[in-house]
C-alpha atoms as a PDB file:
ATOM      1  CA  MET A   1     109.377  90.033  71.408  1.00  0.00           C
ATOM      2  CA  ARG A   2     107.236  87.206  72.239  1.00  0.00           C
ATOM      3  CA  HIS A   3     107.275  85.209  75.675  1.00  0.00           C
ATOM      4  CA  LEU A   4     107.100  81.767  77.146  1.00  0.00           C
ATOM      5  CA  ARG A   5     106.507  80.882  80.659  1.00  0.00           C
ATOM      6  CA  ARG A   6     109.030  78.266  81.813  1.00  0.00           C
ATOM      7  CA  ARG A   7     109.635  76.503  85.371  1.00  0.00           C
ATOM      8  CA  GLY A   8     110.734  73.165  86.722  1.00  0.00           C
ATOM      9  CA  ARG A   9     113.686  71.207  86.483  1.00  0.00           C
ATOM     10  CA  TYR A  10     116.734  72.363  84.353  1.00  0.00           C
ATOM     11  CA  VAL A  11     120.290  71.016  84.465  1.00  0.00           C
ATOM     12  CA  ARG A  12     123.747  72.265  83.610  1.00  0.00           C
ATOM     13  CA  VAL A  13     126.893  70.401  82.657  1.00  0.00           C
ATOM     14  CA  ALA A  14     129.641  71.735  85.098  1.00  0.00           C
ATOM     15  CA  ASP A  15     133.287  71.257  85.966  1.00  0.00           C
ATOM     16  CA  PRO A  16     133.189  69.352  89.162  1.00  0.00           C
ATOM     17  CA  HIS A  17     135.765  71.846  90.684  1.00  0.00           C
ATOM     18  CA  TRP A  18     133.382  74.895  90.143  1.00  0.00           C
ATOM     19  CA  ALA A  19     132.310  76.111  93.495  1.00  0.00           C
ATOM     20  CA  ASP A  20     129.227  77.801  92.012  1.00  0.00           C
ATOM     21  CA  PRO A  21     127.862  76.052  88.835  1.00  0.00           C
ATOM     22  CA  PHE A  22     125.129  78.826  88.543  1.00  0.00           C
ATOM     23  CA  ASP A  23     127.617  81.784  88.316  1.00  0.00           C
ATOM     24  CA  GLY A  24     127.299  83.566  85.093  1.00  0.00           C
ATOM     25  CA  ARG A  25     130.677  85.489  85.335  1.00  0.00           C
ATOM     26  CA  TYR A  26     132.630  82.948  83.210  1.00  0.00           C
ATOM     27  CA  SER A  27     130.309  83.409  80.348  1.00  0.00           C
ATOM     28  CA  ALA A  28     130.343  87.276  80.738  1.00  0.00           C
ATOM     29  CA  GLN A  29     134.094  87.089  80.282  1.00  0.00           C
ATOM     30  CA  TYR A  30     134.420  84.491  77.513  1.00  0.00           C
ATOM     31  CA  GLY A  31     130.944  84.811  75.868  1.00  0.00           C
ATOM     32  CA  GLY A  32     128.343  82.292  74.604  1.00  0.00           C
ATOM     33  CA  ARG A  33     125.643  82.130  72.140  1.00  0.00           C
ATOM     34  CA  TRP A  34     123.631  84.925  73.597  1.00  0.00           C
ATOM     35  CA  ASN A  35     126.360  87.137  75.099  1.00  0.00           C
ATOM     36  CA  ALA A  36     129.464  88.430  73.571  1.00  0.00           C
ATOM     37  CA  PRO A  37     132.783  88.380  75.304  1.00  0.00           C
ATOM     38  CA  GLY A  38     133.295  90.973  78.084  1.00  0.00           C
ATOM     39  CA  SER A  39     129.458  91.619  78.052  1.00  0.00           C
ATOM     40  CA  PHE A  40     126.920  90.349  80.837  1.00  0.00           C
ATOM     41  CA  PRO A  41     126.497  87.078  82.762  1.00  0.00           C
ATOM     42  CA  ILE A  42     124.473  84.339  81.473  1.00  0.00           C
ATOM     43  CA  VAL A  43     124.047  80.694  83.166  1.00  0.00           C
ATOM     44  CA  TYR A  44     123.469  78.454  80.125  1.00  0.00           C
ATOM     45  CA  LEU A  45     120.903  75.501  81.068  1.00  0.00           C
ATOM     46  CA  THR A  46     119.201  72.726  79.397  1.00  0.00           C
ATOM     47  CA  ARG A  47     115.920  71.178  79.797  1.00  0.00           C
ATOM     48  CA  GLY A  48     117.284  67.515  80.632  1.00  0.00           C
ATOM     49  CA  ARG A  49     119.754  64.828  80.068  1.00  0.00           C
ATOM     50  CA  PRO A  50     119.444  64.487  76.367  1.00  0.00           C
ATOM     51  CA  GLY A  51     120.643  68.162  75.780  1.00  0.00           C
ATOM     52  CA  ALA A  52     123.449  67.630  78.659  1.00  0.00           C
ATOM     53  CA  ARG A  53     124.743  64.500  76.760  1.00  0.00           C
ATOM     54  CA  ALA A  54     124.698  66.267  73.058  1.00  0.00           C
ATOM     55  CA  TYR A  55     126.649  69.201  74.927  1.00  0.00           C
ATOM     56  CA  VAL A  56     129.250  66.894  76.081  1.00  0.00           C
ATOM     57  CA  ARG A  57     129.319  64.812  72.677  1.00  0.00           C
ATOM     58  CA  ARG A  58     129.899  68.283  70.789  1.00  0.00           C
ATOM     59  CA  LYS A  59     132.799  69.276  73.396  1.00  0.00           C
ATOM     60  CA  PHE A  60     134.580  66.028  72.686  1.00  0.00           C
ATOM     61  CA  ALA A  61     134.055  66.165  68.913  1.00  0.00           C
ATOM     62  CA  GLY A  62     137.345  65.863  66.839  1.00  0.00           C
ATOM     63  CA  ARG A  63     139.324  65.091  70.162  1.00  0.00           C
ATOM     64  CA  PRO A  64     141.575  61.957  69.878  1.00  0.00           C
ATOM     65  CA  TYR A  65     139.735  60.784  73.009  1.00  0.00           C
ATOM     66  CA  GLY A  66     136.190  60.890  74.550  1.00  0.00           C
ATOM     67  CA  PRO A  67     134.780  61.698  77.953  1.00  0.00           C
ATOM     68  CA  GLU A  68     135.021  57.983  78.895  1.00  0.00           C
ATOM     69  CA  LEU A  69     138.685  58.410  79.405  1.00  0.00           C
ATOM     70  CA  LEU A  70     138.329  61.166  81.913  1.00  0.00           C
ATOM     71  CA  ALA A  71     139.174  60.398  85.591  1.00  0.00           C
ATOM     72  CA  PRO A  72     136.088  60.364  87.679  1.00  0.00           C
ATOM     73  CA  GLY A  73     136.995  63.489  89.513  1.00  0.00           C
ATOM     74  CA  GLU A  74     137.545  65.437  86.342  1.00  0.00           C
ATOM     75  CA  ALA A  75     134.484  64.512  84.300  1.00  0.00           C
ATOM     76  CA  PRO A  76     131.693  66.829  84.295  1.00  0.00           C
ATOM     77  CA  VAL A  77     128.858  66.540  86.761  1.00  0.00           C
ATOM     78  CA  LEU A  78     125.186  67.418  86.012  1.00  0.00           C
ATOM     79  CA  VAL A  79     124.036  69.995  88.385  1.00  0.00           C
ATOM     80  CA  GLU A  80     120.149  70.184  88.720  1.00  0.00           C
ATOM     81  CA  THR A  81     118.172  73.066  89.631  1.00  0.00           C
ATOM     82  CA  GLU A  82     114.447  73.982  89.980  1.00  0.00           C
ATOM     83  CA  LEU A  83     113.285  77.132  88.316  1.00  0.00           C
ATOM     84  CA  PRO A  84     110.263  79.132  89.503  1.00  0.00           C
ATOM     85  CA  ASP A  85     107.448  80.108  87.007  1.00  0.00           C
ATOM     86  CA  GLU A  86     108.904  83.010  85.348  1.00  0.00           C
ATOM     87  CA  ARG A  87     108.591  84.679  81.696  1.00  0.00           C
ATOM     88  CA  TYR A  88     111.377  84.216  79.104  1.00  0.00           C
ATOM     89  CA  VAL A  89     111.805  85.752  75.627  1.00  0.00           C
ATOM     90  CA  ASP A  90     110.507  83.093  73.042  1.00  0.00           C
ATOM     91  CA  VAL A  91     113.168  81.564  70.692  1.00  0.00           C
ATOM     92  CA  VAL A  92     111.561  78.355  70.750  1.00  0.00           C
ATOM     93  CA  THR A  93     108.408  79.088  68.457  1.00  0.00           C
ATOM     94  CA  ASP A  94     108.602  79.875  64.896  1.00  0.00           C
ATOM     95  CA  ALA A  95     106.883  83.117  65.762  1.00  0.00           C
ATOM     96  CA  GLY A  96     109.346  83.986  68.558  1.00  0.00           C
ATOM     97  CA  CYS A  97     112.272  83.208  66.489  1.00  0.00           C
ATOM     98  CA  GLN A  98     110.980  85.738  63.843  1.00  0.00           C
ATOM     99  CA  ALA A  99     109.955  88.321  66.337  1.00  0.00           C
ATOM    100  CA  VAL A 100     113.739  88.519  67.285  1.00  0.00           C
ATOM    101  CA  GLY A 101     114.895  88.750  64.013  1.00  0.00           C
ATOM    102  CA  LEU A 102     115.842  84.884  63.546  1.00  0.00           C
ATOM    103  CA  PRO A 103     114.704  82.513  60.721  1.00  0.00           C
ATOM    104  CA  LYS A 104     111.953  80.224  61.724  1.00  0.00           C
ATOM    105  CA  THR A 105     114.490  77.746  60.866  1.00  0.00           C
ATOM    106  CA  TYR A 106     116.629  78.578  63.885  1.00  0.00           C
ATOM    107  CA  PRO A 107     119.242  77.298  64.912  1.00  0.00           C
ATOM    108  CA  VAL A 108     120.018  76.810  61.277  1.00  0.00           C
ATOM    109  CA  ASP A 109     119.549  79.083  58.224  1.00  0.00           C
ATOM    110  CA  ALA A 110     117.299  78.384  55.313  1.00  0.00           C
ATOM    111  CA  VAL A 111     120.024  76.130  53.768  1.00  0.00           C
ATOM    112  CA  GLY A 112     120.662  74.180  56.923  1.00  0.00           C
ATOM    113  CA  GLU A 113     123.874  75.789  58.045  1.00  0.00           C
ATOM    114  CA  PRO A 114     124.220  76.548  61.911  1.00  0.00           C
ATOM    115  CA  LEU A 115     123.749  80.258  62.696  1.00  0.00           C
ATOM    116  CA  PRO A 116     126.846  81.610  64.326  1.00  0.00           C
ATOM    117  CA  TRP A 117     127.138  82.993  67.751  1.00  0.00           C
ATOM    118  CA  THR A 118     127.764  86.486  66.263  1.00  0.00           C
ATOM    119  CA  ARG A 119     124.099  86.329  64.829  1.00  0.00           C
ATOM    120  CA  CYS A 120     122.553  85.539  68.130  1.00  0.00           C
ATOM    121  CA  GLN A 121     124.835  87.904  70.659  1.00  0.00           C
ATOM    122  CA  PRO A 122     123.268  91.248  69.486  1.00  0.00           C
ATOM    123  CA  ILE A 123     119.839  89.668  70.221  1.00  0.00           C
ATOM    124  CA  GLY A 124     120.874  88.553  73.621  1.00  0.00           C
ATOM    125  CA  GLN A 125     122.325  92.262  74.101  1.00  0.00           C
ATOM    126  CA  ARG A 126     118.876  93.626  73.104  1.00  0.00           C
ATOM    127  CA  VAL A 127     116.979  91.110  75.557  1.00  0.00           C
ATOM    128  CA  TRP A 128     119.433  92.107  78.320  1.00  0.00           C
ATOM    129  CA  ASP A 129     118.964  95.601  77.812  1.00  0.00           C
ATOM    130  CA  ALA A 130     115.198  95.200  77.824  1.00  0.00           C
ATOM    131  CA  ALA A 131     115.529  93.954  81.489  1.00  0.00           C
ATOM    132  CA  GLU A 132     114.362  90.498  80.438  1.00  0.00           C
ATOM    133  CA  LEU A 133     115.051  87.285  82.722  1.00  0.00           C
ATOM    134  CA  GLY A 134     116.434  85.207  79.838  1.00  0.00           C
ATOM    135  CA  ILE A 135     115.806  83.358  76.724  1.00  0.00           C
ATOM    136  CA  ALA A 136     114.085  80.144  76.066  1.00  0.00           C
ATOM    137  CA  CYS A 137     115.358  78.712  72.959  1.00  0.00           C
ATOM    138  CA  ARG A 138     115.673  75.632  70.732  1.00  0.00           C
ATOM    139  CA  SER A 139     118.874  73.794  71.228  1.00  0.00           C
ATOM    140  CA  ALA A 140     121.524  74.759  68.724  1.00  0.00           C
ATOM    141  CA  LEU A 141     122.728  71.021  69.105  1.00  0.00           C
ATOM    142  CA  GLY A 142     119.522  69.896  67.194  1.00  0.00           C
ATOM    143  CA  PRO A 143     116.086  68.806  67.944  1.00  0.00           C
ATOM    144  CA  ALA A 144     116.999  65.751  69.936  1.00  0.00           C
ATOM    145  CA  ALA A 145     118.853  67.984  72.458  1.00  0.00           C
ATOM    146  CA  GLY A 146     115.498  69.634  73.315  1.00  0.00           C
ATOM    147  CA  GLU A 147     115.190  73.118  74.675  1.00  0.00           C
ATOM    148  CA  GLU A 148     117.818  75.379  76.455  1.00  0.00           C
ATOM    149  CA  LEU A 149     117.487  78.373  78.659  1.00  0.00           C
ATOM    150  CA  ALA A 150     119.947  81.443  78.828  1.00  0.00           C
ATOM    151  CA  TRP A 151     119.311  82.430  82.562  1.00  0.00           C
ATOM    152  CA  PHE A 152     120.244  86.092  83.009  1.00  0.00           C
ATOM    153  CA  ASP A 153     122.523  86.167  86.097  1.00  0.00           C
ATOM    154  CA  ARG A 154     121.404  89.775  87.104  1.00  0.00           C
ATOM    155  CA  GLU A 155     122.529  91.487  90.141  1.00  0.00           C
ATOM    156  CA  GLY A 156     119.899  91.397  92.762  1.00  0.00           C
ATOM    157  CA  ARG A 157     118.192  88.146  91.439  1.00  0.00           C
ATOM    158  CA  ALA A 158     118.034  85.267  93.681  1.00  0.00           C
ATOM    159  CA  ARG A 159     120.599  82.622  92.925  1.00  0.00           C
ATOM    160  CA  LEU A 160     119.553  79.420  91.265  1.00  0.00           C
ATOM    161  CA  PRO A 161     119.504  76.629  93.895  1.00  0.00           C
ATOM    162  CA  VAL A 162     121.706  73.493  93.353  1.00  0.00           C
ATOM    163  CA  ARG A 163     119.316  70.695  93.985  1.00  0.00           C
ATOM    164  CA  ARG A 164     121.690  67.999  93.225  1.00  0.00           C
ATOM    165  CA  ARG A 165     125.098  67.223  91.601  1.00  0.00           C
ATOM    166  CA  VAL A 166     124.977  63.961  89.882  1.00  0.00           C
ATOM    167  CA  PRO A 167     128.416  62.259  89.017  1.00  0.00           C
ATOM    168  CA  PHE A 168     129.231  61.615  85.278  1.00  0.00           C
ATOM    169  CA  ASP A 169     129.004  57.817  85.332  1.00  0.00           C
ATOM    170  CA  GLU A 170     125.524  58.291  86.811  1.00  0.00           C
ATOM    171  CA  TRP A 171     124.064  60.680  84.194  1.00  0.00           C
ATOM    172  CA  TYR A 172     125.915  60.491  81.109  1.00  0.00           C
ATOM    173  CA  TRP A 173     125.811  56.621  79.994  1.00  0.00           C
END
């Protein structure tokens, strides 16, 4: 595996009612791109607002309504955190993708089809088993969404600090 250093501001789209938006137990239960259901806890972060907006657009794709119809207290908030300088597994560069067994075209295959979570989850498990801190990766939502970080919520690891909660109307539009 190859590695990259990452630090600075990252954000998470969160339900406004979550007591701790940086608790990875939900993803451990239900799974995500890098962890299978019933596995280990990950907090999925994005590098900035473009990725967060892309995430919300994807969540509402195909629904008969959009996020503009949500009541203010029900719309997702953007939770900002500040990461210390740490080393993460590289799924950003072509060489990093290939080193973990993904095509250099990640997050799509050679013909442009999105790679399924089932292709990424075994890689996430290997990275977890290797006691890594997480995975820095290209956004599966496309190049405009920027970079994401799968932050491994390991027992004994310091919790991510909540720097600021930004109401939906202040960050989305």
